[in-house]
Amino acid sequence: QVQLVESGGGLVQPGGSLRLSCVASGIIFSIYSMEWYRQAPGKQRELVARISSSGSTDYVESVKGRFTISRDNAKRTVYLQMSSLKVEDTAVYYCRTIYGRVPVWGQGTQVAVSS
């Protein structure tokens, strides 16, 4: 069974930092692209960052220069390092991969940026 489990969310002040983690099981982790999505109330779920099996990365324009996606294949974990956080980054953050032709989602972790 394929599972993704996120952690690391919480409450942080504007300008602060958080690191999200997503641990995968049930797949040969090293050959899969991994993604972070987020969804804020009243908004569409959006792709935030992607990292390929070879380590190449892509980011949505609004987080470029502030967020960094990385992976540790030995730990079967993908990370999202978030810095210079803004109120508009507040959302539930989800980890995703594509298992064969089927998207697999984590349960989500809440990030709240507020003073």
PDB file of N, CA and C in Angstrom:
ATOM      1  N   GLN A   1       0.855  -1.180   0.000  1.00  0.00           N
ATOM      2  CA  GLN A   1       0.000   0.000   0.000  1.00  0.00           C
ATOM      3  C   GLN A   1       0.893   1.234   0.000  1.00  0.00           C
ATOM      4  N   VAL A   2       0.518   2.227  -0.807  1.00  0.00           N
ATOM      5  CA  VAL A   2       1.276   3.453  -0.951  1.00  0.00           C
ATOM      6  C   VAL A   2       0.744   4.476   0.045  1.00  0.00           C
ATOM      7  N   GLN A   3       1.641   5.078   0.801  1.00  0.00           N
ATOM      8  CA  GLN A   3       1.248   6.097   1.767  1.00  0.00           C
ATOM      9  C   GLN A   3       2.225   7.261   1.757  1.00  0.00           C
ATOM     10  N   LEU A   4       1.681   8.466   1.915  1.00  0.00           N
ATOM     11  CA  LEU A   4       2.463   9.679   2.105  1.00  0.00           C
ATOM     12  C   LEU A   4       1.991  10.343   3.387  1.00  0.00           C
ATOM     13  N   VAL A   5       2.917  10.695   4.265  1.00  0.00           N
ATOM     14  CA  VAL A   5       2.575  11.293   5.548  1.00  0.00           C
ATOM     15  C   VAL A   5       3.364  12.574   5.733  1.00  0.00           C
ATOM     16  N   GLU A   6       2.640  13.701   5.803  1.00  0.00           N
ATOM     17  CA  GLU A   6       3.264  15.011   5.983  1.00  0.00           C
ATOM     18  C   GLU A   6       3.378  15.367   7.461  1.00  0.00           C
ATOM     19  N   SER A   7       4.342  16.225   7.756  1.00  0.00           N
ATOM     20  CA  SER A   7       4.478  16.786   9.088  1.00  0.00           C
ATOM     21  C   SER A   7       5.223  18.111   8.988  1.00  0.00           C
ATOM     22  N   GLY A   8       5.239  18.865  10.076  1.00  0.00           N
ATOM     23  CA  GLY A   8       6.024  20.081  10.153  1.00  0.00           C
ATOM     24  C   GLY A   8       5.250  21.376  10.095  1.00  0.00           C
ATOM     25  N   GLY A   9       3.957  21.311   9.853  1.00  0.00           N
ATOM     26  CA  GLY A   9       3.159  22.518   9.811  1.00  0.00           C
ATOM     27  C   GLY A   9       2.987  23.134  11.189  1.00  0.00           C
ATOM     28  N   GLY A  10       2.462  24.346  11.199  1.00  0.00           N
ATOM     29  CA  GLY A  10       2.235  25.036  12.454  1.00  0.00           C
ATOM     30  C   GLY A  10       1.984  26.504  12.242  1.00  0.00           C
ATOM     31  N   LEU A  11       2.006  27.245  13.342  1.00  0.00           N
ATOM     32  CA  LEU A  11       1.797  28.689  13.333  1.00  0.00           C
ATOM     33  C   LEU A  11       3.143  29.396  13.344  1.00  0.00           C
ATOM     34  N   VAL A  12       3.315  30.344  12.442  1.00  0.00           N
ATOM     35  CA  VAL A  12       4.567  31.082  12.350  1.00  0.00           C
ATOM     36  C   VAL A  12       4.261  32.539  12.020  1.00  0.00           C
ATOM     37  N   GLN A  13       5.120  33.438  12.481  1.00  0.00           N
ATOM     38  CA  GLN A  13       4.947  34.861  12.195  1.00  0.00           C
ATOM     39  C   GLN A  13       5.419  35.200  10.785  1.00  0.00           C
ATOM     40  N   PRO A  14       4.865  36.250  10.185  1.00  0.00           N
ATOM     41  CA  PRO A  14       5.378  36.694   8.889  1.00  0.00           C
ATOM     42  C   PRO A  14       6.888  36.917   8.947  1.00  0.00           C
ATOM     43  N   GLY A  15       7.570  36.473   7.898  1.00  0.00           N
ATOM     44  CA  GLY A  15       9.019  36.543   7.855  1.00  0.00           C
ATOM     45  C   GLY A  15       9.721  35.332   8.423  1.00  0.00           C
ATOM     46  N   GLY A  16       8.988  34.453   9.077  1.00  0.00           N
ATOM     47  CA  GLY A  16       9.558  33.270   9.680  1.00  0.00           C
ATOM     48  C   GLY A  16       9.736  32.132   8.706  1.00  0.00           C
ATOM     49  N   SER A  17      10.164  30.982   9.239  1.00  0.00           N
ATOM     50  CA  SER A  17      10.474  29.809   8.431  1.00  0.00           C
ATOM     51  C   SER A  17       9.857  28.556   9.018  1.00  0.00           C
ATOM     52  N   LEU A  18       9.572  27.602   8.150  1.00  0.00           N
ATOM     53  CA  LEU A  18       9.133  26.269   8.521  1.00  0.00           C
ATOM     54  C   LEU A  18       9.717  25.277   7.531  1.00  0.00           C
ATOM     55  N   ARG A  19       9.922  24.048   7.980  1.00  0.00           N
ATOM     56  CA  ARG A  19      10.297  22.967   7.084  1.00  0.00           C
ATOM     57  C   ARG A  19       9.268  21.850   7.172  1.00  0.00           C
ATOM     58  N   LEU A  20       8.640  21.561   6.044  1.00  0.00           N
ATOM     59  CA  LEU A  20       7.691  20.471   5.952  1.00  0.00           C
ATOM     60  C   LEU A  20       8.396  19.202   5.487  1.00  0.00           C
ATOM     61  N   SER A  21       7.916  18.055   5.979  1.00  0.00           N
ATOM     62  CA  SER A  21       8.456  16.760   5.588  1.00  0.00           C
ATOM     63  C   SER A  21       7.328  15.866   5.099  1.00  0.00           C
ATOM     64  N   CYS A  22       7.654  14.983   4.177  1.00  0.00           N
ATOM     65  CA  CYS A  22       6.713  13.989   3.678  1.00  0.00           C
ATOM     66  C   CYS A  22       7.453  12.672   3.531  1.00  0.00           C
ATOM     67  N   VAL A  23       7.026  11.670   4.292  1.00  0.00           N
ATOM     68  CA  VAL A  23       7.649  10.350   4.274  1.00  0.00           C
ATOM     69  C   VAL A  23       6.793   9.409   3.440  1.00  0.00           C
ATOM     70  N   ALA A  24       7.417   8.734   2.487  1.00  0.00           N
ATOM     71  CA  ALA A  24       6.718   7.834   1.579  1.00  0.00           C
ATOM     72  C   ALA A  24       6.990   6.380   1.933  1.00  0.00           C
ATOM     73  N   SER A  25       5.979   5.545   1.753  1.00  0.00           N
ATOM     74  CA  SER A  25       6.137   4.109   1.892  1.00  0.00           C
ATOM     75  C   SER A  25       5.355   3.411   0.784  1.00  0.00           C
ATOM     76  N   GLY A  26       5.751   2.185   0.463  1.00  0.00           N
ATOM     77  CA  GLY A  26       5.034   1.398  -0.526  1.00  0.00           C
ATOM     78  C   GLY A  26       5.445   1.638  -1.970  1.00  0.00           C
ATOM     79  N   ILE A  27       6.468   2.450  -2.196  1.00  0.00           N
ATOM     80  CA  ILE A  27       6.974   2.713  -3.539  1.00  0.00           C
ATOM     81  C   ILE A  27       8.494   2.649  -3.540  1.00  0.00           C
ATOM     82  N   ILE A  28       9.061   2.461  -4.727  1.00  0.00           N
ATOM     83  CA  ILE A  28      10.504   2.620  -4.886  1.00  0.00           C
ATOM     84  C   ILE A  28      10.737   4.116  -4.994  1.00  0.00           C
ATOM     85  N   PHE A  29      10.984   4.738  -3.864  1.00  0.00           N
ATOM     86  CA  PHE A  29      10.918   6.185  -3.731  1.00  0.00           C
ATOM     87  C   PHE A  29      11.820   6.912  -4.724  1.00  0.00           C
ATOM     88  N   SER A  30      13.010   6.397  -4.944  1.00  0.00           N
ATOM     89  CA  SER A  30      14.019   7.123  -5.708  1.00  0.00           C
ATOM     90  C   SER A  30      13.646   7.359  -7.170  1.00  0.00           C
ATOM     91  N   ILE A  31      12.712   6.607  -7.721  1.00  0.00           N
ATOM     92  CA  ILE A  31      12.365   6.748  -9.134  1.00  0.00           C
ATOM     93  C   ILE A  31      11.121   7.612  -9.367  1.00  0.00           C
ATOM     94  N   TYR A  32      10.535   8.151  -8.303  1.00  0.00           N
ATOM     95  CA  TYR A  32       9.308   8.931  -8.430  1.00  0.00           C
ATOM     96  C   TYR A  32       9.545  10.419  -8.274  1.00  0.00           C
ATOM     97  N   SER A  33       8.895  11.201  -9.126  1.00  0.00           N
ATOM     98  CA  SER A  33       8.798  12.631  -8.886  1.00  0.00           C
ATOM     99  C   SER A  33       7.887  12.874  -7.690  1.00  0.00           C
ATOM    100  N   MET A  34       8.207  13.898  -6.911  1.00  0.00           N
ATOM    101  CA  MET A  34       7.422  14.251  -5.738  1.00  0.00           C
ATOM    102  C   MET A  34       7.006  15.718  -5.842  1.00  0.00           C
ATOM    103  N   GLU A  35       5.833  16.024  -5.307  1.00  0.00           N
ATOM    104  CA  GLU A  35       5.254  17.356  -5.433  1.00  0.00           C
ATOM    105  C   GLU A  35       4.683  17.831  -4.109  1.00  0.00           C
ATOM    106  N   TRP A  36       4.690  19.149  -3.928  1.00  0.00           N
ATOM    107  CA  TRP A  36       3.956  19.807  -2.853  1.00  0.00           C
ATOM    108  C   TRP A  36       2.865  20.681  -3.466  1.00  0.00           C
ATOM    109  N   TYR A  37       1.652  20.524  -2.974  1.00  0.00           N
ATOM    110  CA  TYR A  37       0.520  21.369  -3.309  1.00  0.00           C
ATOM    111  C   TYR A  37       0.074  22.114  -2.060  1.00  0.00           C
ATOM    112  N   ARG A  38      -0.725  23.162  -2.264  1.00  0.00           N
ATOM    113  CA  ARG A  38      -1.356  23.822  -1.134  1.00  0.00           C
ATOM    114  C   ARG A  38      -2.756  24.285  -1.521  1.00  0.00           C
ATOM    115  N   GLN A  39      -3.600  24.408  -0.512  1.00  0.00           N
ATOM    116  CA  GLN A  39      -4.955  24.889  -0.730  1.00  0.00           C
ATOM    117  C   GLN A  39      -5.366  25.801   0.417  1.00  0.00           C
ATOM    118  N   ALA A  40      -5.660  27.040   0.081  1.00  0.00           N
ATOM    119  CA  ALA A  40      -6.159  28.015   1.037  1.00  0.00           C
ATOM    120  C   ALA A  40      -7.674  28.078   0.938  1.00  0.00           C
ATOM    121  N   PRO A  41      -8.353  28.496   2.010  1.00  0.00           N
ATOM    122  CA  PRO A  41      -9.812  28.613   1.962  1.00  0.00           C
ATOM    123  C   PRO A  41     -10.271  29.499   0.812  1.00  0.00           C
ATOM    124  N   GLY A  42     -11.236  29.011   0.047  1.00  0.00           N
ATOM    125  CA  GLY A  42     -11.775  29.772  -1.058  1.00  0.00           C
ATOM    126  C   GLY A  42     -10.928  29.788  -2.308  1.00  0.00           C
ATOM    127  N   LYS A  43      -9.833  29.042  -2.321  1.00  0.00           N
ATOM    128  CA  LYS A  43      -8.943  29.021  -3.471  1.00  0.00           C
ATOM    129  C   LYS A  43      -8.799  27.610  -4.023  1.00  0.00           C
ATOM    130  N   GLN A  44      -8.382  27.536  -5.281  1.00  0.00           N
ATOM    131  CA  GLN A  44      -8.063  26.266  -5.912  1.00  0.00           C
ATOM    132  C   GLN A  44      -6.786  25.688  -5.298  1.00  0.00           C
ATOM    133  N   ARG A  45      -6.717  24.363  -5.269  1.00  0.00           N
ATOM    134  CA  ARG A  45      -5.470  23.720  -4.895  1.00  0.00           C
ATOM    135  C   ARG A  45      -4.435  23.993  -5.988  1.00  0.00           C
ATOM    136  N   GLU A  46      -3.233  24.394  -5.592  1.00  0.00           N
ATOM    137  CA  GLU A  46      -2.217  24.744  -6.567  1.00  0.00           C
ATOM    138  C   GLU A  46      -0.926  23.981  -6.318  1.00  0.00           C
ATOM    139  N   LEU A  47      -0.241  23.689  -7.401  1.00  0.00           N
ATOM    140  CA  LEU A  47       1.075  23.073  -7.325  1.00  0.00           C
ATOM    141  C   LEU A  47       2.083  24.126  -6.880  1.00  0.00           C
ATOM    142  N   VAL A  48       2.810  23.838  -5.805  1.00  0.00           N
ATOM    143  CA  VAL A  48       3.791  24.755  -5.253  1.00  0.00           C
ATOM    144  C   VAL A  48       5.192  24.437  -5.741  1.00  0.00           C
ATOM    145  N   ALA A  49       5.566  23.163  -5.701  1.00  0.00           N
ATOM    146  CA  ALA A  49       6.916  22.762  -6.057  1.00  0.00           C
ATOM    147  C   ALA A  49       6.935  21.307  -6.486  1.00  0.00           C
ATOM    148  N   ARG A  50       7.901  20.984  -7.332  1.00  0.00           N
ATOM    149  CA  ARG A  50       8.069  19.622  -7.818  1.00  0.00           C
ATOM    150  C   ARG A  50       9.554  19.306  -7.857  1.00  0.00           C
ATOM    151  N   ILE A  51       9.893  18.065  -7.513  1.00  0.00           N
ATOM    152  CA  ILE A  51      11.265  17.594  -7.668  1.00  0.00           C
ATOM    153  C   ILE A  51      11.227  16.244  -8.377  1.00  0.00           C
ATOM    154  N   SER A  52      12.029  16.111  -9.428  1.00  0.00           N
ATOM    155  CA  SER A  52      12.055  14.897 -10.220  1.00  0.00           C
ATOM    156  C   SER A  52      12.966  13.863  -9.578  1.00  0.00           C
ATOM    157  N   SER A  53      12.968  12.664 -10.154  1.00  0.00           N
ATOM    158  CA  SER A  53      13.848  11.609  -9.668  1.00  0.00           C
ATOM    159  C   SER A  53      15.323  11.971  -9.828  1.00  0.00           C
ATOM    160  N   SER A  54      15.630  12.830 -10.792  1.00  0.00           N
ATOM    161  CA  SER A  54      17.001  13.263 -11.017  1.00  0.00           C
ATOM    162  C   SER A  54      17.386  14.491 -10.206  1.00  0.00           C
ATOM    163  N   GLY A  55      16.416  15.078  -9.491  1.00  0.00           N
ATOM    164  CA  GLY A  55      16.693  16.219  -8.647  1.00  0.00           C
ATOM    165  C   GLY A  55      16.374  17.574  -9.240  1.00  0.00           C
ATOM    166  N   SER A  56      15.861  17.622 -10.460  1.00  0.00           N
ATOM    167  CA  SER A  56      15.472  18.902 -11.026  1.00  0.00           C
ATOM    168  C   SER A  56      14.215  19.418 -10.333  1.00  0.00           C
ATOM    169  N   THR A  57      14.087  20.737 -10.237  1.00  0.00           N
ATOM    170  CA  THR A  57      13.007  21.345  -9.464  1.00  0.00           C
ATOM    171  C   THR A  57      12.250  22.386 -10.264  1.00  0.00           C
ATOM    172  N   ASP A  58      10.996  22.588  -9.882  1.00  0.00           N
ATOM    173  CA  ASP A  58      10.144  23.633 -10.431  1.00  0.00           C
ATOM    174  C   ASP A  58       9.326  24.227  -9.303  1.00  0.00           C
ATOM    175  N   TYR A  59       9.022  25.532  -9.411  1.00  0.00           N
ATOM    176  CA  TYR A  59       8.271  26.245  -8.395  1.00  0.00           C
ATOM    177  C   TYR A  59       7.234  27.152  -9.019  1.00  0.00           C
ATOM    178  N   VAL A  60       6.140  27.347  -8.312  1.00  0.00           N
ATOM    179  CA  VAL A  60       5.200  28.369  -8.713  1.00  0.00           C
ATOM    180  C   VAL A  60       5.857  29.739  -8.488  1.00  0.00           C
ATOM    181  N   GLU A  61       5.541  30.702  -9.340  1.00  0.00           N
ATOM    182  CA  GLU A  61       6.228  31.984  -9.328  1.00  0.00           C
ATOM    183  C   GLU A  61       6.189  32.667  -7.960  1.00  0.00           C
ATOM    184  N   SER A  62       5.090  32.544  -7.254  1.00  0.00           N
ATOM    185  CA  SER A  62       4.909  33.262  -5.999  1.00  0.00           C
ATOM    186  C   SER A  62       5.839  32.812  -4.875  1.00  0.00           C
ATOM    187  N   VAL A  63       6.468  31.648  -5.005  1.00  0.00           N
ATOM    188  CA  VAL A  63       7.351  31.155  -3.946  1.00  0.00           C
ATOM    189  C   VAL A  63       8.813  31.096  -4.367  1.00  0.00           C
ATOM    190  N   LYS A  64       9.114  31.434  -5.600  1.00  0.00           N
ATOM    191  CA  LYS A  64      10.499  31.386  -6.073  1.00  0.00           C
ATOM    192  C   LYS A  64      11.391  32.292  -5.235  1.00  0.00           C
ATOM    193  N   GLY A  65      12.527  31.760  -4.840  1.00  0.00           N
ATOM    194  CA  GLY A  65      13.458  32.496  -4.004  1.00  0.00           C
ATOM    195  C   GLY A  65      13.186  32.380  -2.523  1.00  0.00           C
ATOM    196  N   ARG A  66      12.025  31.849  -2.146  1.00  0.00           N
ATOM    197  CA  ARG A  66      11.662  31.707  -0.733  1.00  0.00           C
ATOM    198  C   ARG A  66      11.541  30.248  -0.293  1.00  0.00           C
ATOM    199  N   PHE A  67      11.060  29.381  -1.186  1.00  0.00           N
ATOM    200  CA  PHE A  67      10.861  27.969  -0.857  1.00  0.00           C
ATOM    201  C   PHE A  67      11.892  27.122  -1.589  1.00  0.00           C
ATOM    202  N   THR A  68      12.292  26.019  -0.959  1.00  0.00           N
ATOM    203  CA  THR A  68      13.203  25.069  -1.570  1.00  0.00           C
ATOM    204  C   THR A  68      12.688  23.655  -1.350  1.00  0.00           C
ATOM    205  N   ILE A  69      12.500  22.907  -2.432  1.00  0.00           N
ATOM    206  CA  ILE A  69      12.130  21.502  -2.335  1.00  0.00           C
ATOM    207  C   ILE A  69      13.393  20.655  -2.465  1.00  0.00           C
ATOM    208  N   SER A  70      13.472  19.595  -1.677  1.00  0.00           N
ATOM    209  CA  SER A  70      14.615  18.697  -1.724  1.00  0.00           C
ATOM    210  C   SER A  70      14.152  17.293  -1.370  1.00  0.00           C
ATOM    211  N   ARG A  71      15.023  16.313  -1.592  1.00  0.00           N
ATOM    212  CA  ARG A  71      14.669  14.946  -1.247  1.00  0.00           C
ATOM    213  C   ARG A  71      15.867  14.212  -0.688  1.00  0.00           C
ATOM    214  N   ASP A  72      15.583  13.253   0.176  1.00  0.00           N
ATOM    215  CA  ASP A  72      16.582  12.367   0.749  1.00  0.00           C
ATOM    216  C   ASP A  72      16.093  10.954   0.484  1.00  0.00           C
ATOM    217  N   ASN A  73      16.647  10.324  -0.542  1.00  0.00           N
ATOM    218  CA  ASN A  73      16.151   9.014  -0.946  1.00  0.00           C
ATOM    219  C   ASN A  73      16.397   7.944   0.118  1.00  0.00           C
ATOM    220  N   ALA A  74      17.492   8.060   0.854  1.00  0.00           N
ATOM    221  CA  ALA A  74      17.776   7.092   1.908  1.00  0.00           C
ATOM    222  C   ALA A  74      16.722   7.141   3.004  1.00  0.00           C
ATOM    223  N   LYS A  75      16.179   8.331   3.271  1.00  0.00           N
ATOM    224  CA  LYS A  75      15.138   8.496   4.276  1.00  0.00           C
ATOM    225  C   LYS A  75      13.738   8.442   3.693  1.00  0.00           C
ATOM    226  N   ARG A  76      13.628   8.248   2.391  1.00  0.00           N
ATOM    227  CA  ARG A  76      12.342   8.188   1.701  1.00  0.00           C
ATOM    228  C   ARG A  76      11.489   9.419   2.000  1.00  0.00           C
ATOM    229  N   THR A  77      12.126  10.578   1.996  1.00  0.00           N
ATOM    230  CA  THR A  77      11.485  11.805   2.437  1.00  0.00           C
ATOM    231  C   THR A  77      11.713  12.943   1.449  1.00  0.00           C
ATOM    232  N   VAL A  78      10.655  13.713   1.218  1.00  0.00           N
ATOM    233  CA  VAL A  78      10.752  14.960   0.476  1.00  0.00           C
ATOM    234  C   VAL A  78      10.468  16.106   1.441  1.00  0.00           C
ATOM    235  N   TYR A  79      11.207  17.201   1.301  1.00  0.00           N
ATOM    236  CA  TYR A  79      11.097  18.348   2.185  1.00  0.00           C
ATOM    237  C   TYR A  79      10.661  19.590   1.417  1.00  0.00           C
ATOM    238  N   LEU A  80      10.019  20.493   2.126  1.00  0.00           N
ATOM    239  CA  LEU A  80       9.766  21.830   1.613  1.00  0.00           C
ATOM    240  C   LEU A  80      10.232  22.824   2.661  1.00  0.00           C
ATOM    241  N   GLN A  81      11.368  23.459   2.405  1.00  0.00           N
ATOM    242  CA  GLN A  81      11.885  24.494   3.284  1.00  0.00           C
ATOM    243  C   GLN A  81      11.263  25.820   2.880  1.00  0.00           C
ATOM    244  N   MET A  82      10.547  26.448   3.800  1.00  0.00           N
ATOM    245  CA  MET A  82       9.832  27.685   3.527  1.00  0.00           C
ATOM    246  C   MET A  82      10.428  28.802   4.370  1.00  0.00           C
ATOM    247  N   SER A  83      10.861  29.862   3.711  1.00  0.00           N
ATOM    248  CA  SER A  83      11.455  31.011   4.374  1.00  0.00           C
ATOM    249  C   SER A  83      10.724  32.276   3.947  1.00  0.00           C
ATOM    250  N   SER A  84      10.960  33.354   4.700  1.00  0.00           N
ATOM    251  CA  SER A  84      10.321  34.645   4.414  1.00  0.00           C
ATOM    252  C   SER A  84       8.822  34.481   4.205  1.00  0.00           C
ATOM    253  N   LEU A  85       8.201  33.769   5.122  1.00  0.00           N
ATOM    254  CA  LEU A  85       6.791  33.420   4.959  1.00  0.00           C
ATOM    255  C   LEU A  85       5.902  34.651   5.012  1.00  0.00           C
ATOM    256  N   LYS A  86       4.860  34.617   4.195  1.00  0.00           N
ATOM    257  CA  LYS A  86       3.886  35.684   4.089  1.00  0.00           C
ATOM    258  C   LYS A  86       2.521  35.176   4.530  1.00  0.00           C
ATOM    259  N   VAL A  87       1.650  36.095   4.905  1.00  0.00           N
ATOM    260  CA  VAL A  87       0.294  35.731   5.300  1.00  0.00           C
ATOM    261  C   VAL A  87      -0.391  34.933   4.192  1.00  0.00           C
ATOM    262  N   GLU A  88      -0.139  35.290   2.951  1.00  0.00           N
ATOM    263  CA  GLU A  88      -0.768  34.612   1.835  1.00  0.00           C
ATOM    264  C   GLU A  88      -0.254  33.190   1.597  1.00  0.00           C
ATOM    265  N   ASP A  89       0.770  32.773   2.335  1.00  0.00           N
ATOM    266  CA  ASP A  89       1.221  31.383   2.289  1.00  0.00           C
ATOM    267  C   ASP A  89       0.371  30.468   3.167  1.00  0.00           C
ATOM    268  N   THR A  90      -0.519  31.043   3.956  1.00  0.00           N
ATOM    269  CA  THR A  90      -1.387  30.254   4.821  1.00  0.00           C
ATOM    270  C   THR A  90      -2.237  29.299   3.991  1.00  0.00           C
ATOM    271  N   ALA A  91      -2.163  28.008   4.301  1.00  0.00           N
ATOM    272  CA  ALA A  91      -2.877  26.990   3.548  1.00  0.00           C
ATOM    273  C   ALA A  91      -2.628  25.635   4.193  1.00  0.00           C
ATOM    274  N   VAL A  92      -3.381  24.645   3.743  1.00  0.00           N
ATOM    275  CA  VAL A  92      -3.049  23.257   4.021  1.00  0.00           C
ATOM    276  C   VAL A  92      -2.116  22.787   2.913  1.00  0.00           C
ATOM    277  N   TYR A  93      -0.996  22.218   3.295  1.00  0.00           N
ATOM    278  CA  TYR A  93       0.009  21.770   2.345  1.00  0.00           C
ATOM    279  C   TYR A  93      -0.049  20.252   2.223  1.00  0.00           C
ATOM    280  N   TYR A  94      -0.053  19.772   0.977  1.00  0.00           N
ATOM    281  CA  TYR A  94      -0.188  18.355   0.680  1.00  0.00           C
ATOM    282  C   TYR A  94       0.996  17.849  -0.136  1.00  0.00           C
ATOM    283  N   CYS A  95       1.437  16.661   0.172  1.00  0.00           N
ATOM    284  CA  CYS A  95       2.436  15.945  -0.612  1.00  0.00           C
ATOM    285  C   CYS A  95       1.715  15.065  -1.632  1.00  0.00           C
ATOM    286  N   ARG A  96       2.277  14.948  -2.847  1.00  0.00           N
ATOM    287  CA  ARG A  96       1.655  14.127  -3.878  1.00  0.00           C
ATOM    288  C   ARG A  96       2.693  13.433  -4.741  1.00  0.00           C
ATOM    289  N   THR A  97       2.348  12.238  -5.195  1.00  0.00           N
ATOM    290  CA  THR A  97       3.113  11.562  -6.231  1.00  0.00           C
ATOM    291  C   THR A  97       2.132  10.859  -7.155  1.00  0.00           C
ATOM    292  N   ILE A  98       2.625  10.364  -8.279  1.00  0.00           N
ATOM    293  CA  ILE A  98       1.797   9.599  -9.209  1.00  0.00           C
ATOM    294  C   ILE A  98       2.280   8.161  -9.200  1.00  0.00           C
ATOM    295  N   TYR A  99       1.430   7.263  -8.703  1.00  0.00           N
ATOM    296  CA  TYR A  99       1.743   5.851  -8.620  1.00  0.00           C
ATOM    297  C   TYR A  99       1.121   5.158  -9.830  1.00  0.00           C
ATOM    298  N   GLY A 100       1.955   4.838 -10.798  1.00  0.00           N
ATOM    299  CA  GLY A 100       1.425   4.374 -12.067  1.00  0.00           C
ATOM    300  C   GLY A 100       0.671   5.516 -12.718  1.00  0.00           C
ATOM    301  N   ARG A 101      -0.633   5.352 -12.861  1.00  0.00           N
ATOM    302  CA  ARG A 101      -1.494   6.406 -13.386  1.00  0.00           C
ATOM    303  C   ARG A 101      -2.367   7.048 -12.314  1.00  0.00           C
ATOM    304  N   VAL A 102      -2.100   6.737 -11.049  1.00  0.00           N
ATOM    305  CA  VAL A 102      -2.986   7.133  -9.965  1.00  0.00           C
ATOM    306  C   VAL A 102      -2.305   8.140  -9.043  1.00  0.00           C
ATOM    307  N   PRO A 103      -2.884   9.337  -8.872  1.00  0.00           N
ATOM    308  CA  PRO A 103      -2.340  10.277  -7.892  1.00  0.00           C
ATOM    309  C   PRO A 103      -2.510   9.751  -6.476  1.00  0.00           C
ATOM    310  N   VAL A 104      -1.489   9.931  -5.660  1.00  0.00           N
ATOM    311  CA  VAL A 104      -1.526   9.562  -4.260  1.00  0.00           C
ATOM    312  C   VAL A 104      -1.235  10.808  -3.437  1.00  0.00           C
ATOM    313  N   TRP A 105      -2.119  11.111  -2.503  1.00  0.00           N
ATOM    314  CA  TRP A 105      -2.030  12.316  -1.684  1.00  0.00           C
ATOM    315  C   TRP A 105      -1.770  11.971  -0.229  1.00  0.00           C
ATOM    316  N   GLY A 106      -1.025  12.837   0.444  1.00  0.00           N
ATOM    317  CA  GLY A 106      -0.939  12.762   1.879  1.00  0.00           C
ATOM    318  C   GLY A 106      -2.156  13.386   2.527  1.00  0.00           C
ATOM    319  N   GLN A 107      -2.187  13.366   3.853  1.00  0.00           N
ATOM    320  CA  GLN A 107      -3.354  13.871   4.586  1.00  0.00           C
ATOM    321  C   GLN A 107      -3.353  15.389   4.738  1.00  0.00           C
ATOM    322  N   GLY A 108      -2.233  16.019   4.500  1.00  0.00           N
ATOM    323  CA  GLY A 108      -2.107  17.459   4.607  1.00  0.00           C
ATOM    324  C   GLY A 108      -1.588  17.908   5.957  1.00  0.00           C
ATOM    325  N   THR A 109      -0.913  19.050   5.959  1.00  0.00           N
ATOM    326  CA  THR A 109      -0.449  19.670   7.192  1.00  0.00           C
ATOM    327  C   THR A 109      -0.709  21.172   7.105  1.00  0.00           C
ATOM    328  N   GLN A 110      -1.255  21.741   8.171  1.00  0.00           N
ATOM    329  CA  GLN A 110      -1.688  23.139   8.172  1.00  0.00           C
ATOM    330  C   GLN A 110      -0.514  24.074   8.439  1.00  0.00           C
ATOM    331  N   VAL A 111      -0.398  25.092   7.597  1.00  0.00           N
ATOM    332  CA  VAL A 111       0.559  26.180   7.806  1.00  0.00           C
ATOM    333  C   VAL A 111      -0.235  27.467   7.972  1.00  0.00           C
ATOM    334  N   ALA A 112      -0.057  28.130   9.098  1.00  0.00           N
ATOM    335  CA  ALA A 112      -0.732  29.394   9.376  1.00  0.00           C
ATOM    336  C   ALA A 112       0.310  30.468   9.626  1.00  0.00           C
ATOM    337  N   VAL A 113       0.303  31.507   8.802  1.00  0.00           N
ATOM    338  CA  VAL A 113       1.239  32.619   8.930  1.00  0.00           C
ATOM    339  C   VAL A 113       0.456  33.825   9.421  1.00  0.00           C
ATOM    340  N   SER A 114       0.731  34.228  10.641  1.00  0.00           N
ATOM    341  CA  SER A 114      -0.053  35.286  11.268  1.00  0.00           C
ATOM    342  C   SER A 114       0.734  35.924  12.393  1.00  0.00           C
ATOM    343  N   SER A 115       0.538  37.219  12.568  1.00  0.00           N
ATOM    344  CA  SER A 115       1.109  37.925  13.702  1.00  0.00           C
ATOM    345  C   SER A 115       0.108  38.056  14.833  1.00  0.00           C
TER     346      SER A 115
END
